[in-house]
Amino acid sequence: MGDFPVITVDGPSGSGKGTICSLLARELGWNLLDSGALYRLVGLAARHHGVALDDEDALVVLAAHLDVQFGTSSNQQEVSIVLEGEEVTNTIRTEECGADASVIAAIGSVRAALLERQRAFVSEPGLIADGRDMGTVVFPDAALKIYLTASAEERANRRYNQLINKGLGASLQAILEDIQARDARDMNRAVAPLKPAEDAICLDTTHQSIEDVLASVLDQARHKGLR
């Protein structure tokens, strides 16, 4: 992975990882990896190239050579994603892409291919890695490991408001139930379960503003000599 520093930010859905990572990347001028989007991107690439989701060998090739760039959006609080030259930030968030990602994530050889692809994102001057197993599996030697969490109710409220602000219909109760079910799957899966790395700094964002969380992470980065 070279000599360039990595800051990992792990945590459950809705804990603020994406927003904080986007702001961190902008503040530090570092590269950005949204690892959670990769399985959705493999699924979208498969559709673009006519690859069936049960064609394991072809999916491994797509995963290993995924042409994707992550950046910050115009509001600087979201990750923008370009796949093979096409802006797909919203496209990969559809239910269809989510269903494809669920199938792909269960294929061990694809996970292995994406592991190396994720590590290949490390480059000068450094990398901000957003995910669920960045500090525990993908970058165990990261210079700084952050683990964000928040109550399920707060995370559901955030997602609900995000959807409403985009003009999309949403059920708060359904979102809460989905988050609770996803937490259970992520934390109890056999491969790379969601949990803080032993040396991670854990931050509960339930009652904190984005600005407060960003300040805390930047303070930790400063303490590590990363800015």
Protein backbone atom coordinates (compact mmCIF):
# COMPACT_ATOMS: atom_id res chain seq x y z
CA MET A 1 0.00 0.00 0.00
CA GLY A 2 3.01 2.27 -0.07
CA ASP A 3 4.00 4.89 2.46
CA PHE A 4 0.94 7.13 2.17
CA PRO A 5 -1.22 7.54 5.28
CA VAL A 6 -4.76 6.18 5.61
CA ILE A 7 -7.57 7.34 7.86
CA THR A 8 -10.38 4.81 8.18
CA VAL A 9 -13.93 5.75 9.18
CA ASP A 10 -16.15 2.75 9.94
CA GLY A 11 -19.60 2.44 11.42
CA PRO A 12 -23.21 1.45 10.75
CA SER A 13 -25.47 2.96 8.12
CA GLY A 14 -26.57 6.50 8.95
CA SER A 15 -23.80 7.21 11.46
CA GLY A 16 -22.45 10.05 9.32
CA LYS A 17 -19.51 8.27 7.70
CA GLY A 18 -20.14 9.51 4.17
CA THR A 19 -20.54 13.15 5.15
CA ILE A 20 -17.54 13.17 7.48
CA CYS A 21 -15.32 11.37 4.96
CA SER A 22 -16.26 13.80 2.21
CA LEU A 23 -15.49 16.79 4.45
CA LEU A 24 -12.25 15.19 5.69
CA ALA A 25 -11.05 14.53 2.15
CA ARG A 26 -11.72 18.14 1.22
CA GLU A 27 -10.14 19.54 4.39
CA LEU A 28 -6.96 17.46 4.09
CA GLY A 29 -6.79 17.36 0.31
CA TRP A 30 -6.67 13.54 0.40
CA ASN A 31 -8.19 10.91 -1.84
CA LEU A 32 -11.51 9.28 -0.93
CA LEU A 33 -12.78 5.69 -0.97
CA ASP A 34 -16.48 4.91 -0.44
CA SER A 35 -16.08 1.15 0.00
CA GLY A 36 -19.77 0.52 0.60
CA ALA A 37 -20.54 1.70 -2.93
CA LEU A 38 -18.19 -0.81 -4.56
CA TYR A 39 -20.57 -3.78 -4.51
CA ARG A 40 -23.30 -1.63 -6.04
CA LEU A 41 -20.83 -0.43 -8.66
CA VAL A 42 -19.85 -3.98 -9.57
CA GLY A 43 -23.53 -4.74 -10.06
CA LEU A 44 -24.03 -1.67 -12.23
CA ALA A 45 -20.93 -2.48 -14.26
CA ALA A 46 -22.28 -6.00 -14.73
CA ARG A 47 -25.50 -4.60 -16.16
CA HIS A 48 -23.55 -2.25 -18.44
CA HIS A 49 -21.45 -5.12 -19.79
CA GLY A 50 -24.18 -7.76 -19.93
CA VAL A 51 -22.62 -9.92 -17.21
CA ALA A 52 -24.96 -12.23 -15.31
CA LEU A 53 -24.83 -12.10 -11.52
CA ASP A 54 -24.13 -15.84 -11.38
CA ASP A 55 -21.08 -15.51 -13.68
CA GLU A 56 -18.54 -15.51 -10.86
CA ASP A 57 -15.42 -15.39 -13.04
CA ALA A 58 -16.65 -12.38 -15.03
CA LEU A 59 -17.71 -10.57 -11.86
CA VAL A 60 -14.25 -11.09 -10.37
CA VAL A 61 -12.71 -9.47 -13.47
CA LEU A 62 -15.09 -6.50 -13.18
CA ALA A 63 -14.33 -6.12 -9.47
CA ALA A 64 -10.57 -6.28 -9.98
CA HIS A 65 -10.58 -3.67 -12.75
CA LEU A 66 -13.41 -1.39 -11.66
CA ASP A 67 -12.94 2.04 -13.30
CA VAL A 68 -14.31 4.31 -10.59
CA GLN A 69 -13.47 7.66 -9.06
CA PHE A 70 -14.81 9.12 -5.82
CA GLY A 71 -14.95 12.84 -5.15
CA THR A 72 -16.92 15.44 -3.22
CA SER A 73 -20.19 16.80 -4.55
CA SER A 74 -21.03 20.46 -5.04
CA ASN A 75 -22.42 20.76 -1.50
CA GLN A 76 -19.21 19.13 -0.20
CA GLN A 77 -21.11 16.89 2.21
CA GLU A 78 -21.78 13.97 -0.11
CA VAL A 79 -19.61 11.64 -2.14
CA SER A 80 -19.85 11.89 -5.93
CA ILE A 81 -19.15 8.71 -7.90
CA VAL A 82 -18.06 8.28 -11.53
CA LEU A 83 -18.09 4.80 -13.13
CA GLU A 84 -16.37 4.37 -16.49
CA GLY A 85 -16.69 8.11 -17.10
CA GLU A 86 -20.39 8.27 -16.15
CA GLU A 87 -21.72 10.08 -13.08
CA VAL A 88 -23.67 7.42 -11.16
CA THR A 89 -23.98 8.88 -7.66
CA ASN A 90 -27.77 8.59 -7.56
CA THR A 91 -28.07 5.61 -9.90
CA ILE A 92 -26.31 3.21 -7.53
CA ARG A 93 -28.63 4.15 -4.65
CA THR A 94 -31.68 2.60 -6.33
CA GLU A 95 -33.36 -0.48 -4.89
CA GLU A 96 -32.35 -2.39 -8.02
CA CYS A 97 -28.65 -1.69 -7.44
CA GLY A 98 -29.06 -2.55 -3.78
CA ALA A 99 -30.54 -5.93 -4.65
CA ASP A 100 -27.69 -6.66 -7.07
CA ALA A 101 -25.14 -5.64 -4.44
CA SER A 102 -26.65 -8.05 -1.91
CA VAL A 103 -26.14 -10.94 -4.35
CA ILE A 104 -22.60 -9.91 -5.26
CA ALA A 105 -21.46 -9.33 -1.66
CA ALA A 106 -22.12 -13.00 -0.89
CA ILE A 107 -19.54 -14.17 -3.45
CA GLY A 108 -16.23 -14.78 -1.66
CA SER A 109 -14.01 -14.43 -4.74
CA VAL A 110 -15.57 -11.06 -5.57
CA ARG A 111 -14.97 -9.87 -1.99
CA ALA A 112 -11.33 -10.96 -2.33
CA ALA A 113 -10.95 -9.07 -5.61
CA LEU A 114 -12.48 -5.94 -4.11
CA LEU A 115 -10.16 -6.18 -1.12
CA GLU A 116 -7.16 -5.65 -3.39
CA ARG A 117 -9.04 -3.01 -5.39
CA GLN A 118 -9.75 -1.06 -2.21
CA ARG A 119 -6.11 -1.18 -1.16
CA ALA A 120 -5.13 0.10 -4.61
CA PHE A 121 -6.88 3.40 -3.81
CA VAL A 122 -4.03 4.37 -1.49
CA SER A 123 -2.04 7.12 -3.19
CA GLU A 124 -0.37 10.45 -2.52
CA PRO A 125 -0.97 12.39 -0.32
CA GLY A 126 -3.24 10.00 1.63
CA LEU A 127 -6.59 8.22 1.70
CA ILE A 128 -9.84 8.62 3.62
CA ALA A 129 -11.55 5.20 3.64
CA ASP A 130 -15.27 5.00 4.44
CA GLY A 131 -16.82 1.62 5.23
CA ARG A 132 -17.63 -1.12 7.71
CA ASP A 133 -14.38 -3.11 7.82
CA MET A 134 -11.80 -0.54 6.73
CA GLY A 135 -9.93 -0.46 10.05
CA THR A 136 -10.38 -4.13 10.91
CA VAL A 137 -9.73 -5.89 7.58
CA VAL A 138 -8.82 -3.66 4.64
CA PHE A 139 -6.40 -1.22 6.29
CA PRO A 140 -5.38 -2.78 9.64
CA ASP A 141 -2.25 -0.58 9.75
CA ALA A 142 -4.07 2.71 9.12
CA ALA A 143 -2.54 5.76 10.75
CA LEU A 144 -5.89 6.73 12.33
CA LYS A 145 -9.03 4.65 12.81
CA ILE A 146 -12.37 6.26 13.59
CA TYR A 147 -15.56 4.40 14.42
CA LEU A 148 -18.78 6.43 14.24
CA THR A 149 -22.04 5.29 15.73
CA ALA A 150 -25.45 6.71 16.68
CA SER A 151 -28.74 5.36 17.96
CA ALA A 152 -30.84 3.47 15.42
CA GLU A 153 -33.64 5.99 15.93
CA GLU A 154 -31.37 8.94 15.15
CA ARG A 155 -29.94 7.22 12.09
CA ALA A 156 -33.45 6.46 10.83
CA ASN A 157 -34.43 10.11 11.29
CA ARG A 158 -31.40 11.23 9.30
CA ARG A 159 -32.20 8.89 6.43
CA TYR A 160 -35.87 9.88 6.49
CA ASN A 161 -35.05 13.59 6.31
CA GLN A 162 -32.51 12.95 3.55
CA LEU A 163 -35.14 11.22 1.42
CA ILE A 164 -37.82 13.83 2.13
CA ASN A 165 -35.41 16.65 1.21
CA LYS A 166 -34.83 14.92 -2.13
CA GLY A 167 -38.56 14.83 -2.76
CA LEU A 168 -38.84 11.09 -2.23
CA GLY A 169 -41.54 9.35 -0.25
CA ALA A 170 -40.45 7.51 2.89
CA SER A 171 -41.75 5.70 5.96
CA LEU A 172 -39.81 6.43 9.14
CA GLN A 173 -40.88 3.14 10.73
CA ALA A 174 -39.85 1.14 7.66
CA ILE A 175 -36.47 2.88 7.59
CA LEU A 176 -35.92 2.16 11.29
CA GLU A 177 -36.74 -1.52 10.82
CA ASP A 178 -34.42 -1.73 7.81
CA ILE A 179 -31.56 -0.13 9.76
CA GLN A 180 -32.06 -2.50 12.71
CA ALA A 181 -32.09 -5.51 10.37
CA ARG A 182 -29.00 -4.29 8.53
CA ASP A 183 -27.16 -3.73 11.80
CA ALA A 184 -27.92 -7.31 12.85
CA ARG A 185 -26.68 -8.71 9.53
CA ASP A 186 -23.53 -6.57 9.49
CA MET A 187 -22.57 -7.24 13.08
CA ASN A 188 -23.22 -10.98 13.00
CA ARG A 189 -21.93 -12.00 9.57
CA ALA A 190 -19.15 -14.58 9.47
CA VAL A 191 -16.85 -12.56 7.19
CA ALA A 192 -15.57 -9.12 8.29
CA PRO A 193 -18.35 -8.31 10.80
CA LEU A 194 -19.04 -4.69 11.67
CA LYS A 195 -17.16 -3.76 14.83
CA PRO A 196 -14.63 -1.15 15.96
CA ALA A 197 -10.97 -1.97 15.46
CA GLU A 198 -9.23 -2.48 18.80
CA ASP A 199 -7.29 0.77 18.32
CA ALA A 200 -10.17 2.81 16.87
CA ILE A 201 -11.41 6.10 18.31
CA CYS A 202 -15.16 5.61 18.90
CA LEU A 203 -17.43 8.65 18.53
CA ASP A 204 -21.19 8.63 19.23
CA THR A 205 -22.74 11.17 16.85
CA THR A 206 -26.32 10.89 18.14
CA HIS A 207 -26.37 14.34 19.71
CA GLN A 208 -23.53 15.94 17.74
CA SER A 209 -23.61 18.22 14.75
CA ILE A 210 -21.61 17.47 11.62
CA GLU A 211 -19.32 20.34 12.53
CA ASP A 212 -18.67 18.92 16.00
CA VAL A 213 -17.86 15.45 14.68
CA LEU A 214 -15.57 16.86 11.99
CA ALA A 215 -13.74 18.95 14.59
CA SER A 216 -13.23 15.87 16.78
CA VAL A 217 -11.84 13.80 13.91
CA LEU A 218 -9.57 16.61 12.74
CA ASP A 219 -8.29 16.96 16.30
CA GLN A 220 -7.42 13.26 16.31
CA ALA A 221 -5.71 13.66 12.94
CA ARG A 222 -3.72 16.59 14.29
CA HIS A 223 -2.71 14.54 17.31
CA LYS A 224 -1.38 11.86 14.94
CA GLY A 225 0.55 14.44 12.92
CA LEU A 226 -1.64 13.94 9.84
CA ARG A 227 -2.37 17.61 9.20
